[in-house]
């Protein structure tokens, strides 16, 4: 059996680059790197939602209350 992991990974990277290029050309815009703050907030929101979904699947009813900032 022949492994084709490197080739498959290379095709996936090329596909991602082509998708980005297609979007940029079709929308006539330039590439802008996302800021780390935005990425961190999206990661936090995704983690929070995943935890809520897991608790609901276990039968819990959950209400989130934001923690007050420290003075």
PDB file of N, CA and C in Angstrom:
ATOM      1  N   UNK A   1       0.843  -1.174   0.000  1.00  0.00           N
ATOM      2  CA  UNK A   1       0.000   0.000   0.000  1.00  0.00           C
ATOM      3  C   UNK A   1       0.894   1.245   0.000  1.00  0.00           C
ATOM      4  N   UNK A   2       0.599   2.172  -0.878  1.00  0.00           N
ATOM      5  CA  UNK A   2       1.398   3.377  -1.022  1.00  0.00           C
ATOM      6  C   UNK A   2       0.698   4.521  -0.301  1.00  0.00           C
ATOM      7  N   UNK A   3       1.459   5.229   0.515  1.00  0.00           N
ATOM      8  CA  UNK A   3       0.903   6.385   1.220  1.00  0.00           C
ATOM      9  C   UNK A   3       1.010   7.612   0.330  1.00  0.00           C
ATOM     10  N   UNK A   4      -0.032   8.410   0.324  1.00  0.00           N
ATOM     11  CA  UNK A   4      -0.016   9.617  -0.511  1.00  0.00           C
ATOM     12  C   UNK A   4      -0.306  10.852   0.342  1.00  0.00           C
ATOM     13  N   UNK A   5       0.113  10.846   1.581  1.00  0.00           N
ATOM     14  CA  UNK A   5      -0.187  11.929   2.500  1.00  0.00           C
ATOM     15  C   UNK A   5       0.393  13.264   2.093  1.00  0.00           C
ATOM     16  N   UNK A   6       1.645  13.274   1.639  1.00  0.00           N
ATOM     17  CA  UNK A   6       2.280  14.534   1.259  1.00  0.00           C
ATOM     18  C   UNK A   6       1.595  15.137   0.037  1.00  0.00           C
ATOM     19  N   UNK A   7       1.271  14.299  -0.916  1.00  0.00           N
ATOM     20  CA  UNK A   7       0.610  14.786  -2.133  1.00  0.00           C
ATOM     21  C   UNK A   7      -0.787  15.321  -1.786  1.00  0.00           C
ATOM     22  N   UNK A   8      -1.499  14.604  -0.953  1.00  0.00           N
ATOM     23  CA  UNK A   8      -2.840  15.024  -0.566  1.00  0.00           C
ATOM     24  C   UNK A   8      -2.792  16.353   0.187  1.00  0.00           C
ATOM     25  N   UNK A   9      -1.811  16.505   1.065  1.00  0.00           N
ATOM     26  CA  UNK A   9      -1.654  17.752   1.814  1.00  0.00           C
ATOM     27  C   UNK A   9      -1.326  18.907   0.871  1.00  0.00           C
ATOM     28  N   UNK A  10      -0.461  18.652  -0.098  1.00  0.00           N
ATOM     29  CA  UNK A  10      -0.086  19.701  -1.058  1.00  0.00           C
ATOM     30  C   UNK A  10      -1.301  20.136  -1.873  1.00  0.00           C
ATOM     31  N   UNK A  11      -2.114  19.192  -2.291  1.00  0.00           N
ATOM     32  CA  UNK A  11      -3.323  19.521  -3.060  1.00  0.00           C
ATOM     33  C   UNK A  11      -4.285  20.333  -2.193  1.00  0.00           C
ATOM     34  N   UNK A  12      -4.389  20.003  -0.919  1.00  0.00           N
ATOM     35  CA  UNK A  12      -5.278  20.747  -0.019  1.00  0.00           C
ATOM     36  C   UNK A  12      -4.804  22.189   0.140  1.00  0.00           C
ATOM     37  N   UNK A  13      -3.508  22.392   0.255  1.00  0.00           N
ATOM     38  CA  UNK A  13      -2.959  23.751   0.394  1.00  0.00           C
ATOM     39  C   UNK A  13      -3.203  24.546  -0.886  1.00  0.00           C
ATOM     40  N   UNK A  14      -2.949  23.924  -2.022  1.00  0.00           N
ATOM     41  CA  UNK A  14      -3.174  24.603  -3.306  1.00  0.00           C
ATOM     42  C   UNK A  14      -4.650  24.952  -3.455  1.00  0.00           C
ATOM     43  N   UNK A  15      -5.530  24.050  -3.063  1.00  0.00           N
ATOM     44  CA  UNK A  15      -6.968  24.303  -3.148  1.00  0.00           C
ATOM     45  C   UNK A  15      -7.361  25.506  -2.297  1.00  0.00           C
ATOM     46  N   UNK A  16      -6.818  25.599  -1.100  1.00  0.00           N
ATOM     47  CA  UNK A  16      -7.118  26.731  -0.222  1.00  0.00           C
ATOM     48  C   UNK A  16      -6.635  28.040  -0.829  1.00  0.00           C
ATOM     49  N   UNK A  17      -5.437  28.032  -1.383  1.00  0.00           N
ATOM     50  CA  UNK A  17      -4.892  29.240  -2.008  1.00  0.00           C
ATOM     51  C   UNK A  17      -5.737  29.654  -3.208  1.00  0.00           C
ATOM     52  N   UNK A  18      -6.167  28.689  -4.012  1.00  0.00           N
ATOM     53  CA  UNK A  18      -7.006  29.002  -5.170  1.00  0.00           C
ATOM     54  C   UNK A  18      -8.366  29.560  -4.752  1.00  0.00           C
ATOM     55  N   UNK A  19      -8.924  29.022  -3.684  1.00  0.00           N
ATOM     56  CA  UNK A  19     -10.209  29.539  -3.200  1.00  0.00           C
ATOM     57  C   UNK A  19     -10.070  30.994  -2.751  1.00  0.00           C
ATOM     58  N   UNK A  20      -8.976  31.303  -2.066  1.00  0.00           N
ATOM     59  CA  UNK A  20      -8.730  32.679  -1.618  1.00  0.00           C
ATOM     60  C   UNK A  20      -8.537  33.589  -2.828  1.00  0.00           C
ATOM     61  N   UNK A  21      -7.745  33.140  -3.791  1.00  0.00           N
ATOM     62  CA  UNK A  21      -7.497  33.940  -4.997  1.00  0.00           C
ATOM     63  C   UNK A  21      -8.798  34.188  -5.759  1.00  0.00           C
ATOM     64  N   UNK A  22      -9.634  33.156  -5.880  1.00  0.00           N
ATOM     65  CA  UNK A  22     -10.915  33.312  -6.583  1.00  0.00           C
ATOM     66  C   UNK A  22     -11.793  34.342  -5.882  1.00  0.00           C
ATOM     67  N   UNK A  23     -11.864  34.265  -4.563  1.00  0.00           N
ATOM     68  CA  UNK A  23     -12.673  35.222  -3.803  1.00  0.00           C
ATOM     69  C   UNK A  23     -12.163  36.647  -4.018  1.00  0.00           C
ATOM     70  N   UNK A  24     -10.843  36.822  -3.913  1.00  0.00           N
ATOM     71  CA  UNK A  24     -10.267  38.156  -4.050  1.00  0.00           C
ATOM     72  C   UNK A  24     -10.508  38.732  -5.442  1.00  0.00           C
ATOM     73  N   UNK A  25     -10.336  37.909  -6.462  1.00  0.00           N
ATOM     74  CA  UNK A  25     -10.533  38.388  -7.832  1.00  0.00           C
ATOM     75  C   UNK A  25     -12.001  38.661  -8.132  1.00  0.00           C
ATOM     76  N   UNK A  26     -12.893  37.804  -7.666  1.00  0.00           N
ATOM     77  CA  UNK A  26     -14.314  37.996  -7.962  1.00  0.00           C
ATOM     78  C   UNK A  26     -14.913  39.166  -7.192  1.00  0.00           C
ATOM     79  N   UNK A  27     -14.366  39.485  -6.031  1.00  0.00           N
ATOM     80  CA  UNK A  27     -14.873  40.605  -5.250  1.00  0.00           C
ATOM     81  C   UNK A  27     -14.021  41.865  -5.412  1.00  0.00           C
ATOM     82  N   UNK A  28     -13.014  41.791  -6.259  1.00  0.00           N
ATOM     83  CA  UNK A  28     -12.120  42.918  -6.552  1.00  0.00           C
ATOM     84  C   UNK A  28     -11.632  43.588  -5.260  1.00  0.00           C
ATOM     85  N   UNK A  29     -11.032  42.791  -4.404  1.00  0.00           N
ATOM     86  CA  UNK A  29     -10.537  43.283  -3.130  1.00  0.00           C
ATOM     87  C   UNK A  29      -9.114  42.784  -2.912  1.00  0.00           C
ATOM     88  N   UNK A  30      -8.507  43.215  -1.834  1.00  0.00           N
ATOM     89  CA  UNK A  30      -7.157  42.764  -1.518  1.00  0.00           C
ATOM     90  C   UNK A  30      -7.200  41.887  -0.271  1.00  0.00           C
ATOM     91  N   UNK A  31      -6.176  41.091  -0.104  1.00  0.00           N
ATOM     92  CA  UNK A  31      -6.095  40.187   1.038  1.00  0.00           C
ATOM     93  C   UNK A  31      -5.723  40.966   2.283  1.00  0.00           C
ATOM     94  N   UNK A  32      -6.451  40.732   3.361  1.00  0.00           N
ATOM     95  CA  UNK A  32      -6.141  41.378   4.635  1.00  0.00           C
ATOM     96  C   UNK A  32      -6.070  40.298   5.700  1.00  0.00           C
ATOM     97  N   UNK A  33      -4.938  40.220   6.349  1.00  0.00           N
ATOM     98  CA  UNK A  33      -4.731  39.233   7.410  1.00  0.00           C
ATOM     99  C   UNK A  33      -5.644  39.565   8.586  1.00  0.00           C
ATOM    100  N   UNK A  34      -6.285  38.552   9.152  1.00  0.00           N
ATOM    101  CA  UNK A  34      -7.122  38.782  10.320  1.00  0.00           C
ATOM    102  C   UNK A  34      -6.245  39.054  11.531  1.00  0.00           C
ATOM    103  N   UNK A  35      -6.709  39.945  12.370  1.00  0.00           N
ATOM    104  CA  UNK A  35      -5.948  40.275  13.569  1.00  0.00           C
ATOM    105  C   UNK A  35      -6.087  39.156  14.584  1.00  0.00           C
ATOM    106  N   UNK A  36      -5.066  38.986  15.393  1.00  0.00           N
ATOM    107  CA  UNK A  36      -5.076  37.933  16.402  1.00  0.00           C
ATOM    108  C   UNK A  36      -6.199  38.118  17.412  1.00  0.00           C
ATOM    109  N   UNK A  37      -6.571  39.356  17.690  1.00  0.00           N
ATOM    110  CA  UNK A  37      -7.650  39.612  18.639  1.00  0.00           C
ATOM    111  C   UNK A  37      -8.958  39.036  18.101  1.00  0.00           C
ATOM    112  N   UNK A  38      -9.222  39.239  16.807  1.00  0.00           N
ATOM    113  CA  UNK A  38     -10.442  38.706  16.195  1.00  0.00           C
ATOM    114  C   UNK A  38     -10.440  37.185  16.229  1.00  0.00           C
ATOM    115  N   UNK A  39      -9.304  36.595  15.909  1.00  0.00           N
ATOM    116  CA  UNK A  39      -9.219  35.136  15.907  1.00  0.00           C
ATOM    117  C   UNK A  39      -9.413  34.579  17.309  1.00  0.00           C
ATOM    118  N   UNK A  40      -8.842  35.256  18.306  1.00  0.00           N
ATOM    119  CA  UNK A  40      -8.978  34.792  19.690  1.00  0.00           C
ATOM    120  C   UNK A  40     -10.435  34.868  20.134  1.00  0.00           C
ATOM    121  N   UNK A  41     -11.117  35.945  19.778  1.00  0.00           N
ATOM    122  CA  UNK A  41     -12.524  36.095  20.167  1.00  0.00           C
ATOM    123  C   UNK A  41     -13.383  35.034  19.484  1.00  0.00           C
ATOM    124  N   UNK A  42     -13.116  34.742  18.230  1.00  0.00           N
ATOM    125  CA  UNK A  42     -13.871  33.700  17.534  1.00  0.00           C
ATOM    126  C   UNK A  42     -13.627  32.340  18.176  1.00  0.00           C
ATOM    127  N   UNK A  43     -12.395  32.079  18.589  1.00  0.00           N
ATOM    128  CA  UNK A  43     -12.071  30.814  19.244  1.00  0.00           C
ATOM    129  C   UNK A  43     -12.799  30.702  20.578  1.00  0.00           C
ATOM    130  N   UNK A  44     -12.839  31.809  21.340  1.00  0.00           N
ATOM    131  CA  UNK A  44     -13.552  31.807  22.618  1.00  0.00           C
ATOM    132  C   UNK A  44     -15.044  31.552  22.422  1.00  0.00           C
ATOM    133  N   UNK A  45     -15.629  32.202  21.427  1.00  0.00           N
ATOM    134  CA  UNK A  45     -17.059  32.023  21.165  1.00  0.00           C
ATOM    135  C   UNK A  45     -17.361  30.584  20.754  1.00  0.00           C
ATOM    136  N   UNK A  46     -16.514  30.003  19.937  1.00  0.00           N
ATOM    137  CA  UNK A  46     -16.703  28.626  19.489  1.00  0.00           C
ATOM    138  C   UNK A  46     -16.570  27.646  20.658  1.00  0.00           C
ATOM    139  N   UNK A  47     -15.589  27.893  21.526  1.00  0.00           N
ATOM    140  CA  UNK A  47     -15.400  27.037  22.695  1.00  0.00           C
ATOM    141  C   UNK A  47     -16.591  27.155  23.649  1.00  0.00           C
ATOM    142  N   UNK A  48     -17.065  28.372  23.857  1.00  0.00           N
ATOM    143  CA  UNK A  48     -18.214  28.602  24.733  1.00  0.00           C
ATOM    144  C   UNK A  48     -19.449  27.879  24.198  1.00  0.00           C
ATOM    145  N   UNK A  49     -19.692  27.986  22.883  1.00  0.00           N
ATOM    146  CA  UNK A  49     -20.859  27.340  22.285  1.00  0.00           C
ATOM    147  C   UNK A  49     -20.750  25.826  22.350  1.00  0.00           C
ATOM    148  N   UNK A  50     -19.556  25.302  22.141  1.00  0.00           N
ATOM    149  CA  UNK A  50     -19.361  23.855  22.218  1.00  0.00           C
ATOM    150  C   UNK A  50     -19.648  23.342  23.628  1.00  0.00           C
ATOM    151  N   UNK A  51     -19.191  24.079  24.650  1.00  0.00           N
ATOM    152  CA  UNK A  51     -19.440  23.685  26.034  1.00  0.00           C
ATOM    153  C   UNK A  51     -20.934  23.729  26.345  1.00  0.00           C
ATOM    154  N   UNK A  52     -21.627  24.770  25.876  1.00  0.00           N
ATOM    155  CA  UNK A  52     -23.068  24.851  26.084  1.00  0.00           C
ATOM    156  C   UNK A  52     -23.794  23.678  25.436  1.00  0.00           C
ATOM    157  N   UNK A  53     -23.419  23.362  24.210  1.00  0.00           N
ATOM    158  CA  UNK A  53     -24.050  22.249  23.501  1.00  0.00           C
ATOM    159  C   UNK A  53     -23.826  20.926  24.226  1.00  0.00           C
ATOM    160  N   UNK A  54     -22.635  20.742  24.774  1.00  0.00           N
ATOM    161  CA  UNK A  54     -22.345  19.503  25.505  1.00  0.00           C
ATOM    162  C   UNK A  54     -23.186  19.415  26.772  1.00  0.00           C
ATOM    163  N   UNK A  55     -23.313  20.521  27.497  1.00  0.00           N
ATOM    164  CA  UNK A  55     -24.127  20.510  28.712  1.00  0.00           C
ATOM    165  C   UNK A  55     -25.602  20.272  28.392  1.00  0.00           C
ATOM    166  N   UNK A  56     -26.091  20.877  27.324  1.00  0.00           N
ATOM    167  CA  UNK A  56     -27.481  20.662  26.925  1.00  0.00           C
ATOM    168  C   UNK A  56     -27.714  19.217  26.526  1.00  0.00           C
ATOM    169  N   UNK A  57     -26.735  18.617  25.855  1.00  0.00           N
ATOM    170  CA  UNK A  57     -26.853  17.214  25.466  1.00  0.00           C
ATOM    171  C   UNK A  57     -26.903  16.298  26.683  1.00  0.00           C
ATOM    172  N   UNK A  58     -26.296  16.747  27.796  1.00  0.00           N
ATOM    173  CA  UNK A  58     -26.319  15.968  29.034  1.00  0.00           C
ATOM    174  C   UNK A  58     -27.586  16.223  29.848  1.00  0.00           C
ATOM    175  N   UNK A  59     -28.453  17.134  29.370  1.00  0.00           N
ATOM    176  CA  UNK A  59     -29.719  17.377  30.046  1.00  0.00           C
ATOM    177  C   UNK A  59     -29.743  18.595  30.948  1.00  0.00           C
ATOM    178  N   UNK A  60     -28.747  19.441  30.899  1.00  0.00           N
ATOM    179  CA  UNK A  60     -28.704  20.634  31.735  1.00  0.00           C
ATOM    180  C   UNK A  60     -29.281  21.817  30.985  1.00  0.00           C
ATOM    181  N   UNK A  61     -29.909  22.718  31.734  1.00  0.00           N
ATOM    182  CA  UNK A  61     -30.365  23.982  31.176  1.00  0.00           C
ATOM    183  C   UNK A  61     -29.376  25.038  31.654  1.00  0.00           C
ATOM    184  N   UNK A  62     -28.766  25.757  30.734  1.00  0.00           N
ATOM    185  CA  UNK A  62     -27.655  26.646  31.070  1.00  0.00           C
ATOM    186  C   UNK A  62     -27.999  28.081  30.706  1.00  0.00           C
ATOM    187  N   UNK A  63     -27.693  28.991  31.630  1.00  0.00           N
ATOM    188  CA  UNK A  63     -27.812  30.420  31.375  1.00  0.00           C
ATOM    189  C   UNK A  63     -26.460  31.045  31.697  1.00  0.00           C
ATOM    190  N   UNK A  64     -25.926  31.787  30.754  1.00  0.00           N
ATOM    191  CA  UNK A  64     -24.618  32.432  30.957  1.00  0.00           C
ATOM    192  C   UNK A  64     -24.809  33.835  31.501  1.00  0.00           C
ATOM    193  N   UNK A  65     -24.021  34.151  32.500  1.00  0.00           N
ATOM    194  CA  UNK A  65     -24.004  35.492  33.085  1.00  0.00           C
ATOM    195  C   UNK A  65     -22.561  35.968  33.032  1.00  0.00           C
ATOM    196  N   UNK A  66     -22.305  37.095  32.340  1.00  0.00           N
ATOM    197  CA  UNK A  66     -20.919  37.580  32.243  1.00  0.00           C
ATOM    198  C   UNK A  66     -20.346  37.918  33.617  1.00  0.00           C
ATOM    199  N   UNK A  67     -19.095  37.610  33.786  1.00  0.00           N
ATOM    200  CA  UNK A  67     -18.385  37.889  35.035  1.00  0.00           C
ATOM    201  C   UNK A  67     -18.044  39.386  35.061  1.00  0.00           C
ATOM    202  N   UNK A  68     -18.225  40.003  36.229  1.00  0.00           N
ATOM    203  CA  UNK A  68     -17.916  41.422  36.377  1.00  0.00           C
ATOM    204  C   UNK A  68     -16.403  41.616  36.296  1.00  0.00           C
ATOM    205  N   UNK A  69     -15.941  42.636  35.572  1.00  0.00           N
ATOM    206  CA  UNK A  69     -14.492  42.874  35.484  1.00  0.00           C
ATOM    207  C   UNK A  69     -13.918  43.274  36.843  1.00  0.00           C
ATOM    208  N   UNK A  70     -12.693  42.877  37.082  1.00  0.00           N
ATOM    209  CA  UNK A  70     -12.019  43.199  38.330  1.00  0.00           C
ATOM    210  C   UNK A  70     -11.715  44.685  38.391  1.00  0.00           C
ATOM    211  N   UNK A  71     -11.854  45.265  39.553  1.00  0.00           N
ATOM    212  CA  UNK A  71     -11.636  46.712  39.708  1.00  0.00           C
ATOM    213  C   UNK A  71     -10.198  47.064  39.845  1.00  0.00           C
TER     214      UNK A  71
END
